[in-house]
Amino acid sequence: MLRLVAALVFLSTVAFSQPFTGPFTVTELTTMATISQPHLTLRNADTADVFYQIADTVFHATVLLQNGQVVAGPEALTTHGSGWTRWLADVTMTSSRWVALVYDTTSAINQTVIYTGGDAADTGRVIDSGNNWCDNSPWTYASRHVSPVLAPRDSGYAAAWIDYWDVRTPQQQEGGISVSGEDYLWSGEVAQTLNYFQGPRDRLMIRSISPDSLIALGSDPSLFLLLPHEMVQPPPTPLDCPANVVNFLRTRAAHTLVLCASDRARLYEVVGQSAQARATTEGLPLASASHPDFGMAWLAGGIGDWYLFRADTMGAISSLPGLLAEPQAGYLISEAALAMTGNGLIAALWVEYSPLDSSTVSLHLASLGWDTPLQSSDRHSSLHPSAFSLSSSPNPFNSEAQIEYSLPQAQKIVLSVYNLLGQKVATLFDGMQAAGTHTQSWSPAGAGGIYFAVLKSGQTTRTLKLAYLK
């Protein structure tokens, strides 16, 4: 189910303008299983490490960005013990390898496991554990490692988390919260303990941690920025950020940007104890990524179209938003992940599913450069000179659509039209066709609305949205 949903405009004079590649299908399931928790890291400009869950199993695969080939995996990360409900919490890429953090829990106990690797993963290491049960005397309750996150280090990696605790006896009932973490060397040795906050129990979540160990601590819609060893109690005055915190970025110039979500995506710059608005874009952010040398990117949209937005290190929109992901007719995007490298490469990973056919779900990967423009005015496809393209004129139309497509060589193709429910309403061509440009006319017999022209050849598919104004 390869689908290209964004067009690339090649600009050879623009720095870091890597071509748009993909989308490629990383994996596809035709059972009742569900793919969830997609995560992504970039080893370099050629290789991505892809992570995802199927039920309570976490998988890793090494994928080439240029063609979507899976060169290692998928490999299930080793489980320590049995009966766990697993949650892939976070991943990060260091200078030499990737790191993945998995939170395991049962009705009685919980643990947090760190995995590292390249093409293959190690067996993992439990960094902490806790209890979800009570003693008889006194009655106690503990929940360890809520919202754990990771950050890269030159000599290893760091993790931060929240501990909740309760003590209840006939004489007292009290609870508390502590926010802490640890710096780890590659040997697994703890280099230092990171202490942030200890105090009364509250609805706090760690949103992110920066390489300099600054954490964004959210209690929607409040936001706290804390450095380790402050051990403040109570927490400092929250920043004025009137929305749910999605991501934050510390730039090289010590600017702090915060991406929030309310009715749309809102980007703020932290100035003193206030968050000043810098940009507002349509749609709720589904995924985001950032780099201190470039800025922040996020994927936002709705049921069908998902657009990529990019803002520089000062919070100003640096590129026109462009269509990055549009699922096949009758399919929706449920979850996504973004990742960035130091040369401005952006990669996107997303899950597509059909609400009418729960037996099919797939995972897709695409990449582009920080300055690579994405076209949003139509759905013309252009992966590379040898790829075949699909377009229509006029679009929208009110009586007849002229659907044009180009083939680089003689090949067997199928050109069909589907409605929003994923039902085929017309087959315009099915057979061998010569190389060159061809046109098929289509006059809808049904009601006005949105349709999709789908061009298939072998394992390659192009999808074009058609707006019928009746």
Protein backbone atom coordinates (compact mmCIF):
# COMPACT_ATOMS: atom_id res chain seq x y z
CA MET A 1 0.00 0.00 0.00
CA LEU A 2 2.57 2.53 -1.08
CA ARG A 3 1.08 5.95 -1.43
CA LEU A 4 2.72 9.24 -2.24
CA VAL A 5 0.73 12.11 -0.83
CA ALA A 6 3.14 15.02 -1.08
CA ALA A 7 4.98 16.41 -4.09
CA LEU A 8 8.63 17.39 -4.02
CA VAL A 9 9.99 20.52 -5.61
CA PHE A 10 13.75 20.03 -6.14
CA LEU A 11 15.82 23.04 -5.11
CA SER A 12 19.48 22.27 -5.65
CA THR A 13 20.57 25.70 -4.46
CA VAL A 14 19.04 25.32 -0.99
CA ALA A 15 21.21 23.83 1.73
CA PHE A 16 20.07 20.60 3.41
CA SER A 17 17.35 20.10 0.77
CA GLN A 18 17.23 16.32 0.67
CA PRO A 19 14.67 14.83 -1.72
CA PHE A 20 11.31 13.67 -0.45
CA THR A 21 11.41 9.87 -0.28
CA GLY A 22 8.52 7.51 0.36
CA PRO A 23 6.02 6.79 1.67
CA PHE A 24 7.19 3.20 2.09
CA THR A 25 5.33 0.43 3.86
CA VAL A 26 7.44 -0.82 6.76
CA THR A 27 5.01 -3.55 7.81
CA GLU A 28 1.41 -4.52 7.17
CA LEU A 29 -0.84 -6.78 9.23
CA THR A 30 -3.88 -8.59 7.84
CA THR A 31 -5.03 -10.00 11.16
CA MET A 32 -7.06 -8.48 13.98
CA ALA A 33 -3.86 -7.20 15.66
CA THR A 34 -3.21 -3.47 16.04
CA ILE A 35 0.00 -1.51 15.55
CA SER A 36 0.49 1.20 18.18
CA GLN A 37 3.09 3.43 19.83
CA PRO A 38 5.18 4.22 16.70
CA HIS A 39 8.59 5.69 17.59
CA LEU A 40 11.48 6.69 15.36
CA THR A 41 15.16 7.60 15.57
CA LEU A 42 17.59 8.47 12.79
CA ARG A 43 21.05 6.90 12.79
CA ASN A 44 22.22 9.04 9.84
CA ALA A 45 20.91 10.37 6.52
CA ASP A 46 20.42 6.82 5.23
CA THR A 47 19.11 4.72 8.11
CA ALA A 48 16.13 4.86 10.48
CA ASP A 49 15.46 2.78 13.57
CA VAL A 50 11.73 2.09 13.76
CA PHE A 51 9.91 0.97 16.92
CA TYR A 52 6.29 -0.07 17.39
CA GLN A 53 4.01 -2.30 19.47
CA ILE A 54 1.72 -5.17 18.56
CA ALA A 55 -0.34 -5.96 21.66
CA ASP A 56 2.22 -6.21 24.53
CA THR A 57 5.24 -6.91 22.32
CA VAL A 58 7.65 -4.11 21.35
CA PHE A 59 9.44 -4.47 18.00
CA HIS A 60 12.52 -2.81 16.48
CA ALA A 61 13.52 -2.74 12.80
CA THR A 62 16.31 -1.06 10.84
CA VAL A 63 14.97 0.60 7.67
CA LEU A 64 16.74 2.33 4.74
CA LEU A 65 15.24 5.76 4.11
CA GLN A 66 15.89 5.78 0.36
CA ASN A 67 13.78 2.73 -0.50
CA GLY A 68 12.02 1.60 2.69
CA GLN A 69 13.88 -1.72 2.77
CA VAL A 70 13.89 -3.42 6.17
CA VAL A 71 17.51 -4.57 6.53
CA ALA A 72 17.32 -5.87 10.11
CA GLY A 73 14.33 -7.13 12.09
CA PRO A 74 11.57 -6.75 12.97
CA GLU A 75 12.92 -8.01 16.29
CA ALA A 76 10.90 -8.31 19.50
CA LEU A 77 12.59 -6.68 22.49
CA THR A 78 13.29 -9.20 25.24
CA THR A 79 10.74 -9.37 28.04
CA HIS A 80 12.00 -9.62 31.63
CA GLY A 81 9.52 -11.92 33.31
CA SER A 82 5.98 -12.72 32.16
CA GLY A 83 2.49 -11.30 32.42
CA TRP A 84 3.54 -7.72 31.73
CA THR A 85 1.45 -5.07 30.06
CA ARG A 86 4.13 -3.20 28.08
CA TRP A 87 4.28 0.45 27.03
CA LEU A 88 6.98 1.80 24.72
CA ALA A 89 7.60 5.11 26.52
CA ASP A 90 10.40 6.84 24.58
CA VAL A 91 13.38 6.37 22.25
CA THR A 92 16.43 8.51 21.49
CA MET A 93 19.55 8.35 19.35
CA THR A 94 22.99 9.00 20.82
CA SER A 95 26.28 9.38 18.96
CA SER A 96 26.77 5.63 18.72
CA ARG A 97 23.49 3.77 19.23
CA TRP A 98 19.78 4.03 19.91
CA VAL A 99 18.18 3.78 23.36
CA ALA A 100 14.62 2.62 24.05
CA LEU A 101 12.73 2.89 27.34
CA VAL A 102 9.87 0.44 28.05
CA TYR A 103 7.52 0.60 31.03
CA ASP A 104 6.10 -2.75 32.24
CA THR A 105 3.28 -3.20 34.70
CA THR A 106 0.95 -5.81 36.19
CA SER A 107 -1.75 -5.40 38.81
CA ALA A 108 0.91 -5.91 41.48
CA ILE A 109 4.29 -4.58 40.30
CA ASN A 110 5.95 -2.39 37.68
CA GLN A 111 9.41 -1.94 36.19
CA THR A 112 11.24 0.26 33.72
CA VAL A 113 13.59 -1.38 31.21
CA ILE A 114 16.32 0.26 29.10
CA TYR A 115 17.35 -1.31 25.76
CA THR A 116 20.25 -0.19 23.55
CA GLY A 117 21.45 -1.35 20.16
CA GLY A 118 22.09 -0.86 16.47
CA ASP A 119 20.76 -3.40 13.98
CA ALA A 120 20.18 -5.73 16.93
CA ALA A 121 19.01 -4.93 20.46
CA ASP A 122 20.62 -6.01 23.70
CA THR A 123 18.59 -7.99 26.23
CA GLY A 124 17.66 -4.89 28.21
CA ARG A 125 18.34 -3.80 31.76
CA VAL A 126 15.82 -3.07 34.52
CA ILE A 127 16.73 0.35 35.94
CA ASP A 128 14.02 0.48 38.60
CA SER A 129 10.86 -1.22 39.82
CA GLY A 130 7.99 -0.57 42.18
CA ASN A 131 4.83 -1.97 43.72
CA ASN A 132 1.21 -1.51 42.75
CA TRP A 133 -0.05 -3.42 45.76
CA CYS A 134 -0.65 -2.93 49.46
CA ASP A 135 0.94 -4.37 52.60
CA ASN A 136 -1.30 -5.32 55.49
CA SER A 137 0.45 -3.13 58.03
CA PRO A 138 0.79 -0.35 57.20
CA TRP A 139 -1.22 -0.15 53.98
CA THR A 140 1.07 1.35 51.37
CA TYR A 141 0.85 2.06 47.66
CA ALA A 142 3.58 3.00 45.22
CA SER A 143 3.62 3.65 41.48
CA ARG A 144 7.08 4.05 39.96
CA HIS A 145 8.27 5.72 36.79
CA VAL A 146 5.26 7.57 35.51
CA SER A 147 5.84 9.31 32.13
CA PRO A 148 9.52 8.31 31.74
CA VAL A 149 11.56 10.10 29.06
CA LEU A 150 15.04 9.86 27.55
CA ALA A 151 17.77 12.26 26.41
CA PRO A 152 21.08 11.56 24.63
CA ARG A 153 24.50 12.14 26.20
CA ASP A 154 27.99 12.09 24.68
CA SER A 155 29.04 9.31 27.01
CA GLY A 156 25.67 7.56 27.38
CA TYR A 157 22.09 8.65 28.01
CA ALA A 158 19.78 10.04 30.67
CA ALA A 159 16.31 9.10 31.87
CA ALA A 160 13.85 11.02 34.02
CA TRP A 161 10.60 9.91 35.62
CA ILE A 162 7.99 10.64 38.28
CA ASP A 163 7.41 8.54 41.42
CA TYR A 164 4.03 8.63 43.13
CA TRP A 165 3.65 7.26 46.64
CA ASP A 166 1.01 6.88 49.32
CA VAL A 167 1.17 5.80 52.97
CA ARG A 168 -2.09 5.04 54.73
CA THR A 169 -2.32 3.85 58.34
CA PRO A 170 -5.00 4.22 60.99
CA GLN A 171 -3.06 7.23 62.27
CA GLN A 172 -2.24 9.01 58.98
CA GLN A 173 -2.94 9.26 55.30
CA GLU A 174 -0.47 11.07 53.12
CA GLY A 175 0.98 10.96 49.65
CA GLY A 176 3.69 12.63 47.66
CA ILE A 177 5.49 12.90 44.41
CA SER A 178 9.13 13.13 43.39
CA VAL A 179 10.61 13.98 40.00
CA SER A 180 14.07 12.54 39.45
CA GLY A 181 16.31 10.73 37.00
CA GLU A 182 19.76 9.34 36.34
CA ASP A 183 22.66 9.80 33.93
CA TYR A 184 23.94 6.47 32.63
CA LEU A 185 27.26 5.48 31.09
CA TRP A 186 27.24 2.86 28.34
CA SER A 187 28.43 0.33 30.89
CA GLY A 188 25.14 0.81 32.73
CA GLU A 189 26.82 2.57 35.62
CA VAL A 190 24.98 5.55 37.07
CA ALA A 191 27.11 8.64 36.47
CA GLN A 192 24.92 10.94 38.55
CA THR A 193 21.45 11.21 40.05
CA LEU A 194 19.15 13.97 38.78
CA ASN A 195 16.84 15.42 41.45
CA TYR A 196 14.20 17.93 40.36
CA PHE A 197 11.24 18.15 42.69
CA GLN A 198 9.65 16.56 45.74
CA GLY A 199 6.38 17.62 47.26
CA PRO A 200 2.63 17.07 47.55
CA ARG A 201 0.94 14.75 45.11
CA ASP A 202 -0.25 16.48 41.95
CA ARG A 203 -1.23 15.64 38.38
CA LEU A 204 2.19 16.16 36.86
CA MET A 205 3.64 14.62 33.70
CA ILE A 206 7.14 14.96 32.23
CA ARG A 207 6.72 16.22 28.68
CA SER A 208 10.35 16.16 27.57
CA ILE A 209 13.98 16.34 28.66
CA SER A 210 16.72 18.26 26.86
CA PRO A 211 20.38 17.20 26.44
CA ASP A 212 21.30 19.69 29.20
CA SER A 213 18.82 17.92 31.54
CA LEU A 214 16.20 20.66 31.57
CA ILE A 215 12.77 19.01 31.87
CA ALA A 216 9.36 20.30 30.90
CA LEU A 217 6.99 19.31 33.68
CA GLY A 218 3.33 19.74 32.79
CA SER A 219 0.15 19.87 34.82
CA ASP A 220 -2.24 20.88 32.04
CA PRO A 221 -2.44 23.67 31.24
CA SER A 222 0.49 24.71 33.47
CA LEU A 223 4.14 24.22 32.56
CA PHE A 224 7.23 24.13 34.77
CA LEU A 225 10.80 24.17 33.46
CA LEU A 226 13.26 22.67 35.96
CA LEU A 227 16.99 21.95 36.02
CA PRO A 228 18.30 19.09 38.18
CA HIS A 229 19.38 19.57 41.80
CA GLU A 230 16.92 22.40 42.34
CA MET A 231 14.70 20.16 44.53
CA VAL A 232 12.11 22.89 44.76
CA GLN A 233 9.15 22.56 47.10
CA PRO A 234 6.57 23.70 46.26
CA PRO A 235 7.17 23.89 42.47
CA PRO A 236 7.96 27.31 40.96
CA THR A 237 5.35 29.61 39.49
CA PRO A 238 3.99 27.94 36.36
CA LEU A 239 4.49 29.51 32.96
CA ASP A 240 1.47 31.07 31.32
CA CYS A 241 0.91 28.45 28.61
CA PRO A 242 -2.87 28.12 28.19
CA ALA A 243 -2.86 24.75 26.39
CA ASN A 244 -1.66 21.18 26.71
CA VAL A 245 2.12 20.91 26.28
CA VAL A 246 3.21 18.68 23.39
CA ASN A 247 6.97 19.35 23.05
CA PHE A 248 9.65 21.84 23.97
CA LEU A 249 13.05 22.81 22.56
CA ARG A 250 16.22 24.37 23.97
CA THR A 251 18.13 26.01 21.11
CA ARG A 252 21.89 26.67 20.89
CA ALA A 253 21.20 30.30 21.77
CA ALA A 254 19.36 29.21 24.95
CA HIS A 255 15.93 30.07 23.55
CA THR A 256 13.14 27.81 24.81
CA LEU A 257 10.23 27.01 22.50
CA VAL A 258 7.09 25.21 23.68
CA LEU A 259 4.58 23.56 21.35
CA CYS A 260 1.07 23.35 22.80
CA ALA A 261 -2.30 22.04 21.65
CA SER A 262 -5.72 23.49 22.34
CA ASP A 263 -8.14 23.91 19.43
CA ARG A 264 -5.06 24.13 17.19
CA ALA A 265 -1.25 24.02 17.40
CA ARG A 266 0.32 26.98 19.21
CA LEU A 267 4.05 27.70 19.49
CA TYR A 268 5.37 29.82 22.36
CA GLU A 269 8.76 31.22 23.29
CA VAL A 270 9.57 31.23 27.00
CA VAL A 271 10.61 34.68 28.14
CA GLY A 272 11.20 34.94 31.89
CA GLN A 273 8.16 33.43 33.59
CA SER A 274 5.80 33.92 30.65
CA ALA A 275 5.22 32.14 27.37
CA GLN A 276 4.86 34.55 24.45
CA ALA A 277 2.95 33.39 21.37
CA ARG A 278 5.08 33.02 18.24
CA ALA A 279 2.95 30.99 15.80
CA THR A 280 -0.49 29.43 15.49
CA THR A 281 -1.35 26.77 12.90
CA GLU A 282 -4.48 24.84 12.01
CA GLY A 283 -5.07 21.32 13.25
CA LEU A 284 -4.02 19.49 16.40
CA PRO A 285 -0.41 18.28 16.42
CA LEU A 286 -0.19 14.51 16.05
CA ALA A 287 3.62 14.29 16.33
CA SER A 288 6.60 16.63 16.67
CA ALA A 289 10.39 16.71 16.58
CA SER A 290 13.04 19.36 17.17
CA HIS A 291 16.74 20.14 16.84
CA PRO A 292 18.60 23.03 18.50
CA ASP A 293 20.22 24.09 15.20
CA PHE A 294 17.04 24.16 13.12
CA GLY A 295 13.92 24.53 15.24
CA MET A 296 10.74 22.51 15.60
CA ALA A 297 8.60 20.53 13.17
CA TRP A 298 5.16 19.08 13.77
CA LEU A 299 2.53 17.08 11.92
CA ALA A 300 -1.02 18.40 12.24
CA GLY A 301 -4.28 18.03 10.43
CA GLY A 302 -7.46 16.03 10.66
CA ILE A 303 -9.10 12.87 9.42
CA GLY A 304 -7.60 12.98 5.92
CA ASP A 305 -4.83 15.46 5.23
CA TRP A 306 -1.82 15.71 7.55
CA TYR A 307 0.47 18.70 7.01
CA LEU A 308 4.06 19.31 8.08
CA PHE A 309 4.80 22.64 9.78
CA ARG A 310 8.32 23.96 10.46
CA ALA A 311 9.40 26.85 12.71
CA ASP A 312 12.94 28.20 13.17
CA THR A 313 14.79 28.58 16.48
CA MET A 314 13.07 31.93 17.11
CA GLY A 315 9.61 30.43 16.69
CA ALA A 316 8.88 31.89 13.23
CA ILE A 317 7.31 29.65 10.57
CA SER A 318 10.21 28.96 8.20
CA SER A 319 8.49 27.00 5.40
CA LEU A 320 5.03 26.92 3.90
CA PRO A 321 3.05 24.01 5.33
CA GLY A 322 2.88 21.07 2.96
CA LEU A 323 0.89 17.87 2.69
CA LEU A 324 3.00 15.04 4.10
CA ALA A 325 0.63 12.15 4.75
CA GLU A 326 -2.76 11.27 3.31
CA PRO A 327 -4.07 7.75 3.89
CA GLN A 328 -5.54 5.54 1.21
CA ALA A 329 -9.24 5.95 0.52
CA GLY A 330 -11.27 4.62 3.44
CA TYR A 331 -8.26 4.63 5.80
CA LEU A 332 -7.31 6.90 8.71
CA ILE A 333 -4.05 7.77 10.46
CA SER A 334 -4.18 6.87 14.16
CA GLU A 335 -0.67 7.63 15.49
CA ALA A 336 2.57 9.11 14.17
CA ALA A 337 6.15 9.99 15.10
CA LEU A 338 8.71 12.49 13.77
CA ALA A 339 12.50 12.54 14.11
CA MET A 340 15.26 14.95 13.05
CA THR A 341 19.03 14.79 12.52
CA GLY A 342 21.79 17.37 12.82
CA ASN A 343 21.81 18.04 9.07
CA GLY A 344 18.11 18.87 8.98
CA LEU A 345 16.73 15.56 7.77
CA ILE A 346 13.13 14.94 8.93
CA ALA A 347 11.53 11.50 8.95
CA ALA A 348 7.89 10.62 9.63
CA LEU A 349 6.40 7.31 10.71
CA TRP A 350 2.65 6.72 10.90
CA VAL A 351 0.00 4.02 11.40
CA GLU A 352 -2.90 3.64 8.95
CA TYR A 353 -6.04 1.62 9.62
CA SER A 354 -9.52 1.18 8.21
CA PRO A 355 -12.43 1.82 10.60
CA LEU A 356 -14.55 -0.49 8.39
CA ASP A 357 -11.99 -3.32 8.16
CA SER A 358 -10.14 -3.84 11.44
CA SER A 359 -8.18 -6.76 9.97
CA THR A 360 -5.80 -4.48 8.02
CA VAL A 361 -3.32 -2.05 9.59
CA SER A 362 0.00 -0.78 8.25
CA LEU A 363 3.06 1.28 9.20
CA HIS A 364 4.56 3.83 6.78
CA LEU A 365 7.80 5.83 6.57
CA ALA A 366 8.80 8.96 4.60
CA SER A 367 11.61 11.53 4.84
CA LEU A 368 12.63 14.94 3.52
CA GLY A 369 15.02 17.82 4.20
CA TRP A 370 14.36 20.76 6.51
CA ASP A 371 14.14 23.12 3.52
CA THR A 372 12.43 20.71 1.12
CA PRO A 373 9.13 22.29 0.01
CA LEU A 374 5.95 20.24 0.08
CA GLN A 375 3.16 20.99 -2.36
CA SER A 376 -0.31 21.51 -0.98
CA SER A 377 -2.32 22.84 -3.93
CA ASP A 378 -2.88 19.43 -5.58
CA ARG A 379 -1.97 15.76 -5.29
CA HIS A 380 0.47 15.48 -8.21
CA SER A 381 2.96 12.71 -7.49
CA SER A 382 6.68 12.88 -8.30
CA LEU A 383 9.06 10.66 -6.36
CA HIS A 384 11.84 10.61 -8.96
CA PRO A 385 12.12 10.87 -12.78
CA SER A 386 11.29 7.18 -13.30
CA ALA A 387 8.18 7.21 -11.09
CA PHE A 388 4.70 7.45 -12.59
CA SER A 389 2.48 10.42 -11.76
CA LEU A 390 -1.22 11.10 -11.31
CA SER A 391 -3.15 14.38 -11.61
CA SER A 392 -6.58 15.72 -12.60
CA SER A 393 -8.01 18.81 -14.24
CA PRO A 394 -10.18 20.54 -13.30
CA ASN A 395 -10.17 19.68 -9.62
CA PRO A 396 -12.70 20.42 -8.10
CA PHE A 397 -15.02 19.58 -11.04
CA ASN A 398 -18.80 19.68 -11.55
CA SER A 399 -19.48 17.23 -14.39
CA GLU A 400 -16.44 15.38 -15.74
CA ALA A 401 -12.88 14.89 -14.47
CA GLN A 402 -9.93 14.42 -16.80
CA ILE A 403 -7.53 12.13 -14.92
CA GLU A 404 -4.03 12.21 -16.36
CA TYR A 405 -1.18 9.83 -15.53
CA SER A 406 2.33 9.23 -16.89
CA LEU A 407 4.09 5.87 -17.19
CA PRO A 408 7.89 5.66 -17.56
CA GLN A 409 7.58 2.29 -19.34
CA ALA A 410 4.98 -0.12 -20.65
CA GLN A 411 3.34 -1.82 -17.70
CA LYS A 412 0.11 -3.29 -16.37
CA ILE A 413 -1.92 -0.74 -14.44
CA VAL A 414 -5.31 -0.46 -12.75
CA LEU A 415 -6.98 2.94 -12.43
CA SER A 416 -10.00 2.97 -10.12
CA VAL A 417 -12.17 5.47 -8.24
CA TYR A 418 -13.27 5.02 -4.60
CA ASN A 419 -15.66 6.91 -2.33
CA LEU A 420 -14.96 8.05 1.24
CA LEU A 421 -16.11 4.69 2.60
CA GLY A 422 -13.40 2.91 0.62
CA GLN A 423 -15.95 1.41 -1.82
CA LYS A 424 -14.94 1.13 -5.47
CA VAL A 425 -17.33 3.13 -7.67
CA ALA A 426 -15.55 2.85 -11.04
CA THR A 427 -12.70 1.09 -12.83
CA LEU A 428 -11.39 3.38 -15.56
CA PHE A 429 -8.62 1.14 -16.92
CA ASP A 430 -7.32 -2.36 -16.21
CA GLY A 431 -4.60 -3.79 -18.43
CA MET A 432 -1.27 -3.20 -20.17
CA GLN A 433 -0.51 0.33 -21.32
CA ALA A 434 2.39 1.89 -23.22
CA ALA A 435 4.86 4.35 -21.77
CA GLY A 436 3.87 8.02 -21.92
CA THR A 437 1.03 10.25 -20.77
CA HIS A 438 -2.55 9.00 -20.79
CA THR A 439 -5.93 10.49 -19.91
CA GLN A 440 -9.14 8.87 -18.67
CA SER A 441 -12.45 10.68 -18.30
CA TRP A 442 -14.76 10.08 -15.38
CA SER A 443 -18.34 11.34 -14.95
CA PRO A 444 -19.70 10.40 -11.49
CA ALA A 445 -23.11 8.82 -11.30
CA GLY A 446 -23.42 9.30 -7.55
CA ALA A 447 -23.76 12.23 -5.18
CA GLY A 448 -21.30 15.09 -4.97
CA GLY A 449 -18.45 14.91 -2.49
CA ILE A 450 -14.91 13.62 -2.11
CA TYR A 451 -13.64 10.68 -4.17
CA PHE A 452 -10.22 9.13 -4.66
CA ALA A 453 -8.58 8.06 -7.92
CA VAL A 454 -6.16 5.18 -7.24
CA LEU A 455 -3.48 4.16 -9.77
CA LYS A 456 -1.81 0.80 -9.10
CA SER A 457 1.10 -0.95 -10.80
CA GLY A 458 2.65 -3.93 -9.04
CA GLN A 459 3.48 -2.89 -5.48
CA THR A 460 3.28 0.86 -6.23
CA THR A 461 0.16 2.97 -5.68
CA ARG A 462 -0.65 6.63 -6.30
CA THR A 463 -3.74 8.26 -4.76
CA LEU A 464 -5.43 11.47 -5.92
CA LYS A 465 -8.24 13.26 -4.08
CA LEU A 466 -11.11 14.39 -6.36
CA ALA A 467 -13.70 16.97 -5.30
CA TYR A 468 -17.03 16.56 -7.15
CA LEU A 469 -19.23 19.66 -6.93
CA LYS A 470 -22.69 18.55 -8.00
